[in-house]
Amino acid sequence: QVQVVESGGGLVQPGGSLRLSCAASGDIFSLYRVGWYRQAPGKQRELVAVMSSSGNTNYADSVKGRFTISRNSAKNTVFLQMNSLKPEDTAAYYCNVQVHNRVGTGDYWGQGTQVTVSS
């Protein structure tokens, strides 16, 4: 089994910063693609940032230049540094990891962490 747990969400004022963390544990040989997604009330889940196993990144246009995805492969952790936050960044943020383990490769999601940007 694989567990994925996000942390670091909270309430922040516009222009502020937050750092989200995602820890994957359990039956894991390595992580391949990792990413962050978000879902605001009444909206579909959308991609925020993704990083391949080789380190290539892709960001939603709305967060380019403000958010940075990173990973610690040795610890199976993923981070999302969010700067210059805007009210429209308010959403539940979900970590997605592509895990390689003894049964093959599969995608796993965390339960999400809430980010609220408000004055």
C-alpha atoms as a PDB file:
ATOM      1  CA  GLN A   1       0.000   0.000   0.000  1.00  0.00           C
ATOM      2  CA  VAL A   2       0.966   3.610  -0.576  1.00  0.00           C
ATOM      3  CA  GLN A   3       0.034   6.588   1.556  1.00  0.00           C
ATOM      4  CA  VAL A   4       0.205  10.185   0.374  1.00  0.00           C
ATOM      5  CA  VAL A   5      -0.156  12.997   2.895  1.00  0.00           C
ATOM      6  CA  GLU A   6      -0.152  16.719   2.178  1.00  0.00           C
ATOM      7  CA  SER A   7       0.542  19.459   4.695  1.00  0.00           C
ATOM      8  CA  GLY A   8       1.270  23.162   4.849  1.00  0.00           C
ATOM      9  CA  GLY A   9      -2.038  24.673   3.846  1.00  0.00           C
ATOM     10  CA  GLY A  10      -3.700  27.487   5.723  1.00  0.00           C
ATOM     11  CA  LEU A  11      -4.990  31.033   5.642  1.00  0.00           C
ATOM     12  CA  VAL A  12      -2.719  33.673   4.137  1.00  0.00           C
ATOM     13  CA  GLN A  13      -3.163  37.278   3.061  1.00  0.00           C
ATOM     14  CA  PRO A  14      -2.900  38.283  -0.594  1.00  0.00           C
ATOM     15  CA  GLY A  15       0.737  38.657  -1.553  1.00  0.00           C
ATOM     16  CA  GLY A  16       1.833  36.147   1.043  1.00  0.00           C
ATOM     17  CA  SER A  17       3.571  32.797   0.691  1.00  0.00           C
ATOM     18  CA  LEU A  18       2.975  29.195   1.653  1.00  0.00           C
ATOM     19  CA  ARG A  19       4.966  26.015   1.189  1.00  0.00           C
ATOM     20  CA  LEU A  20       3.047  22.798   0.696  1.00  0.00           C
ATOM     21  CA  SER A  21       4.623  19.442   1.420  1.00  0.00           C
ATOM     22  CA  CYS A  22       3.654  15.970   0.244  1.00  0.00           C
ATOM     23  CA  ALA A  23       5.051  12.801   1.769  1.00  0.00           C
ATOM     24  CA  ALA A  24       4.617   9.438   0.098  1.00  0.00           C
ATOM     25  CA  SER A  25       5.239   6.267   2.106  1.00  0.00           C
ATOM     26  CA  GLY A  26       4.673   2.549   1.990  1.00  0.00           C
ATOM     27  CA  ASP A  27       5.463   0.122  -0.805  1.00  0.00           C
ATOM     28  CA  ILE A  28       7.600   2.427  -2.961  1.00  0.00           C
ATOM     29  CA  PHE A  29      10.702   1.738  -5.012  1.00  0.00           C
ATOM     30  CA  SER A  30      10.752   5.207  -6.532  1.00  0.00           C
ATOM     31  CA  LEU A  31       8.530   8.078  -7.618  1.00  0.00           C
ATOM     32  CA  TYR A  32       8.213   8.881 -11.269  1.00  0.00           C
ATOM     33  CA  ARG A  33       6.026  11.854 -12.198  1.00  0.00           C
ATOM     34  CA  VAL A  34       4.845  14.036  -9.283  1.00  0.00           C
ATOM     35  CA  GLY A  35       2.431  16.924  -9.337  1.00  0.00           C
ATOM     36  CA  TRP A  36       0.110  19.310  -7.571  1.00  0.00           C
ATOM     37  CA  TYR A  37      -3.497  19.902  -8.534  1.00  0.00           C
ATOM     38  CA  ARG A  38      -6.162  22.131  -7.039  1.00  0.00           C
ATOM     39  CA  GLN A  39      -9.917  22.290  -6.907  1.00  0.00           C
ATOM     40  CA  ALA A  40     -11.933  25.353  -5.977  1.00  0.00           C
ATOM     41  CA  PRO A  41     -15.599  25.080  -4.925  1.00  0.00           C
ATOM     42  CA  GLY A  42     -17.814  24.503  -7.937  1.00  0.00           C
ATOM     43  CA  LYS A  43     -14.869  24.000 -10.280  1.00  0.00           C
ATOM     44  CA  GLN A  44     -13.073  21.038 -11.778  1.00  0.00           C
ATOM     45  CA  ARG A  45      -9.733  19.871 -10.467  1.00  0.00           C
ATOM     46  CA  GLU A  46      -6.925  21.486 -12.430  1.00  0.00           C
ATOM     47  CA  LEU A  47      -3.223  20.980 -12.858  1.00  0.00           C
ATOM     48  CA  VAL A  48      -1.022  23.419 -10.960  1.00  0.00           C
ATOM     49  CA  ALA A  49       2.464  22.024 -11.488  1.00  0.00           C
ATOM     50  CA  VAL A  50       4.052  18.736 -12.490  1.00  0.00           C
ATOM     51  CA  MET A  51       7.607  17.422 -12.457  1.00  0.00           C
ATOM     52  CA  SER A  52       8.897  14.404 -14.349  1.00  0.00           C
ATOM     53  CA  SER A  53      11.387  11.916 -12.950  1.00  0.00           C
ATOM     54  CA  SER A  54      14.107  13.710 -14.917  1.00  0.00           C
ATOM     55  CA  GLY A  55      13.214  17.060 -13.384  1.00  0.00           C
ATOM     56  CA  ASN A  56      11.308  18.653 -16.251  1.00  0.00           C
ATOM     57  CA  THR A  57       8.519  20.882 -15.004  1.00  0.00           C
ATOM     58  CA  ASN A  58       5.265  22.227 -16.349  1.00  0.00           C
ATOM     59  CA  TYR A  59       3.082  24.880 -14.745  1.00  0.00           C
ATOM     60  CA  ALA A  60      -0.400  26.236 -15.247  1.00  0.00           C
ATOM     61  CA  ASP A  61      -0.208  29.657 -16.898  1.00  0.00           C
ATOM     62  CA  SER A  62      -1.954  31.177 -13.895  1.00  0.00           C
ATOM     63  CA  VAL A  63       0.887  30.261 -11.519  1.00  0.00           C
ATOM     64  CA  LYS A  64       3.979  30.613 -13.712  1.00  0.00           C
ATOM     65  CA  GLY A  65       6.583  32.779 -12.046  1.00  0.00           C
ATOM     66  CA  ARG A  66       4.875  32.513  -8.652  1.00  0.00           C
ATOM     67  CA  PHE A  67       4.852  28.796  -7.809  1.00  0.00           C
ATOM     68  CA  THR A  68       7.755  26.356  -7.803  1.00  0.00           C
ATOM     69  CA  ILE A  69       7.537  22.572  -7.598  1.00  0.00           C
ATOM     70  CA  SER A  70      10.442  20.586  -6.195  1.00  0.00           C
ATOM     71  CA  ARG A  71      11.130  17.097  -4.915  1.00  0.00           C
ATOM     72  CA  ASN A  72      13.410  15.148  -2.621  1.00  0.00           C
ATOM     73  CA  SER A  73      13.657  11.787  -4.311  1.00  0.00           C
ATOM     74  CA  ALA A  74      15.580  10.208  -1.443  1.00  0.00           C
ATOM     75  CA  LYS A  75      12.729  10.984   0.955  1.00  0.00           C
ATOM     76  CA  ASN A  76       9.812  10.558  -1.491  1.00  0.00           C
ATOM     77  CA  THR A  77       8.630  14.072  -0.796  1.00  0.00           C
ATOM     78  CA  VAL A  78       7.279  16.780  -3.061  1.00  0.00           C
ATOM     79  CA  PHE A  79       6.975  20.487  -2.366  1.00  0.00           C
ATOM     80  CA  LEU A  80       5.106  23.437  -3.799  1.00  0.00           C
ATOM     81  CA  GLN A  81       6.439  26.877  -2.948  1.00  0.00           C
ATOM     82  CA  MET A  82       3.706  29.435  -3.522  1.00  0.00           C
ATOM     83  CA  ASN A  83       4.583  33.123  -3.582  1.00  0.00           C
ATOM     84  CA  SER A  84       2.602  36.247  -4.361  1.00  0.00           C
ATOM     85  CA  LEU A  85      -0.615  34.440  -3.555  1.00  0.00           C
ATOM     86  CA  LYS A  86      -3.889  35.765  -4.913  1.00  0.00           C
ATOM     87  CA  PRO A  87      -7.479  35.211  -3.759  1.00  0.00           C
ATOM     88  CA  GLU A  88      -8.063  33.149  -6.899  1.00  0.00           C
ATOM     89  CA  ASP A  89      -5.457  30.664  -5.652  1.00  0.00           C
ATOM     90  CA  THR A  90      -7.909  29.646  -2.927  1.00  0.00           C
ATOM     91  CA  ALA A  91      -8.621  25.940  -3.326  1.00  0.00           C
ATOM     92  CA  ALA A  92      -7.976  22.489  -1.954  1.00  0.00           C
ATOM     93  CA  TYR A  93      -4.537  21.396  -3.161  1.00  0.00           C
ATOM     94  CA  TYR A  94      -3.884  17.756  -3.933  1.00  0.00           C
ATOM     95  CA  CYS A  95      -0.622  15.911  -4.412  1.00  0.00           C
ATOM     96  CA  ASN A  96      -0.408  13.234  -7.080  1.00  0.00           C
ATOM     97  CA  VAL A  97       2.484  10.807  -7.329  1.00  0.00           C
ATOM     98  CA  GLN A  98       3.267   8.113  -9.840  1.00  0.00           C
ATOM     99  CA  VAL A  99       4.725   5.253  -7.843  1.00  0.00           C
ATOM    100  CA  HIS A 100       6.906   2.419  -9.009  1.00  0.00           C
ATOM    101  CA  ASN A 101       6.758  -0.555  -6.662  1.00  0.00           C
ATOM    102  CA  ARG A 102       6.741  -4.344  -6.672  1.00  0.00           C
ATOM    103  CA  VAL A 103       3.346  -4.558  -8.353  1.00  0.00           C
ATOM    104  CA  GLY A 104       4.188  -2.098 -11.104  1.00  0.00           C
ATOM    105  CA  THR A 105       3.367   1.572 -11.592  1.00  0.00           C
ATOM    106  CA  GLY A 106       0.330   3.434 -10.355  1.00  0.00           C
ATOM    107  CA  ASP A 107      -1.039   6.880  -9.509  1.00  0.00           C
ATOM    108  CA  TYR A 108      -1.859   7.855  -5.939  1.00  0.00           C
ATOM    109  CA  TRP A 109      -3.568  10.922  -4.490  1.00  0.00           C
ATOM    110  CA  GLY A 110      -3.467  12.578  -1.115  1.00  0.00           C
ATOM    111  CA  GLN A 111      -6.522  13.811   0.760  1.00  0.00           C
ATOM    112  CA  GLY A 112      -5.762  17.455   0.042  1.00  0.00           C
ATOM    113  CA  THR A 113      -4.824  20.526   2.034  1.00  0.00           C
ATOM    114  CA  GLN A 114      -6.845  23.724   2.033  1.00  0.00           C
ATOM    115  CA  VAL A 115      -5.277  26.999   0.959  1.00  0.00           C
ATOM    116  CA  THR A 116      -7.288  30.166   1.571  1.00  0.00           C
ATOM    117  CA  VAL A 117      -6.023  33.539   0.383  1.00  0.00           C
ATOM    118  CA  SER A 118      -7.989  36.347   1.964  1.00  0.00           C
ATOM    119  CA  SER A 119      -7.514  39.619   3.776  1.00  0.00           C
END
